[in-house]
Amino acid sequence: MTKEKIFSIVKKNLLDILEDADESAVTPDKSMKELGANSLDIVEVVSTSMRELKVKIPRSELNTLTNIGQLVDALYAAVNNKVDA
């Protein structure tokens, strides 16, 4: 799976939760907080994305992420590690 596909999944889940968010504002360099997400929204976006991709990322690793691009990178790595396992 490509990073672009993973980004589209994260973006779709974010826009589903943040109904007022501007789709064009959702870019890899933005944090979800910058887009108006609170901590519960962020947990929901991450959890939904992980379920959809059938992967898990340790909470300690998630705590170090600062923007959507880093989340996409972490999900991409998890998807590829799952395939290799």
Protein backbone atom coordinates (compact mmCIF):
# COMPACT_ATOMS: atom_id res chain seq x y z
CA MET A 1 0.00 0.00 0.00
CA THR A 2 1.31 3.45 -0.89
CA LYS A 3 1.76 6.41 1.44
CA GLU A 4 -0.73 8.31 -0.74
CA LYS A 5 -3.39 5.65 -0.10
CA ILE A 6 -2.68 5.71 3.65
CA PHE A 7 -2.85 9.53 3.64
CA SER A 8 -6.23 9.35 1.89
CA ILE A 9 -7.53 6.98 4.59
CA VAL A 10 -6.29 9.24 7.42
CA LYS A 11 -7.70 12.31 5.64
CA LYS A 12 -11.10 10.64 5.11
CA ASN A 13 -11.28 9.63 8.79
CA LEU A 14 -10.23 13.11 9.91
CA LEU A 15 -12.83 14.80 7.70
CA ASP A 16 -15.51 12.38 8.96
CA ILE A 17 -14.79 13.44 12.55
CA LEU A 18 -14.08 17.14 11.92
CA GLU A 19 -17.12 18.02 9.88
CA ASP A 20 -16.15 21.70 9.70
CA ALA A 21 -12.60 21.04 8.44
CA ASP A 22 -11.61 22.36 5.03
CA GLU A 23 -10.53 19.40 2.91
CA SER A 24 -7.82 21.44 1.16
CA ALA A 25 -6.30 22.36 4.55
CA VAL A 26 -5.56 18.69 5.37
CA THR A 27 -1.92 18.34 4.35
CA PRO A 28 0.88 16.11 5.66
CA ASP A 29 2.70 19.03 7.30
CA LYS A 30 -0.31 20.03 9.45
CA SER A 31 -1.08 18.68 12.88
CA MET A 32 -4.61 17.54 13.62
CA LYS A 33 -4.78 20.16 16.40
CA GLU A 34 -4.06 22.89 13.82
CA LEU A 35 -7.12 21.62 11.94
CA GLY A 36 -9.32 21.89 15.04
CA ALA A 37 -9.10 18.36 16.45
CA ASN A 38 -9.14 17.85 20.20
CA SER A 39 -7.37 14.92 21.86
CA LEU A 40 -10.43 12.65 21.63
CA ASP A 41 -10.80 13.45 17.92
CA ILE A 42 -7.14 12.56 17.35
CA VAL A 43 -7.52 9.23 19.19
CA GLU A 44 -10.58 8.44 17.09
CA VAL A 45 -8.83 9.28 13.78
CA VAL A 46 -5.76 7.21 14.70
CA SER A 47 -7.80 4.26 16.04
CA THR A 48 -10.11 4.21 13.02
CA SER A 49 -7.18 4.42 10.62
CA MET A 50 -5.33 1.58 12.38
CA ARG A 51 -8.48 -0.60 12.35
CA GLU A 52 -9.02 0.09 8.67
CA LEU A 53 -5.40 -0.80 7.88
CA LYS A 54 -5.43 -3.75 10.33
CA VAL A 55 -2.27 -2.59 12.12
CA LYS A 56 -1.31 -1.47 15.62
CA ILE A 57 1.22 1.16 16.59
CA PRO A 58 2.43 1.37 20.20
CA ARG A 59 1.08 4.38 22.09
CA SER A 60 4.65 5.39 23.00
CA GLU A 61 5.45 5.73 19.30
CA LEU A 62 2.23 7.65 18.59
CA ASN A 63 3.07 10.17 21.33
CA THR A 64 6.14 11.34 19.40
CA LEU A 65 4.23 12.22 16.21
CA THR A 66 3.65 15.91 15.55
CA ASN A 67 1.89 16.03 12.18
CA ILE A 68 -0.25 14.02 9.78
CA GLY A 69 2.73 13.13 7.59
CA GLN A 70 4.50 11.48 10.52
CA LEU A 71 1.34 9.49 11.29
CA VAL A 72 1.17 8.39 7.65
CA ASP A 73 4.85 7.34 7.80
CA ALA A 74 4.24 5.33 11.00
CA LEU A 75 1.16 3.63 9.51
CA TYR A 76 3.07 2.93 6.29
CA ALA A 77 5.89 1.31 8.27
CA ALA A 78 3.39 -0.76 10.28
CA VAL A 79 1.61 -1.94 7.12
CA ASN A 80 4.91 -2.97 5.52
CA ASN A 81 6.15 -4.71 8.68
CA LYS A 82 2.87 -6.64 8.86
CA VAL A 83 3.34 -7.82 5.26
CA ASP A 84 6.91 -8.94 6.02
CA ALA A 85 5.97 -10.78 9.21
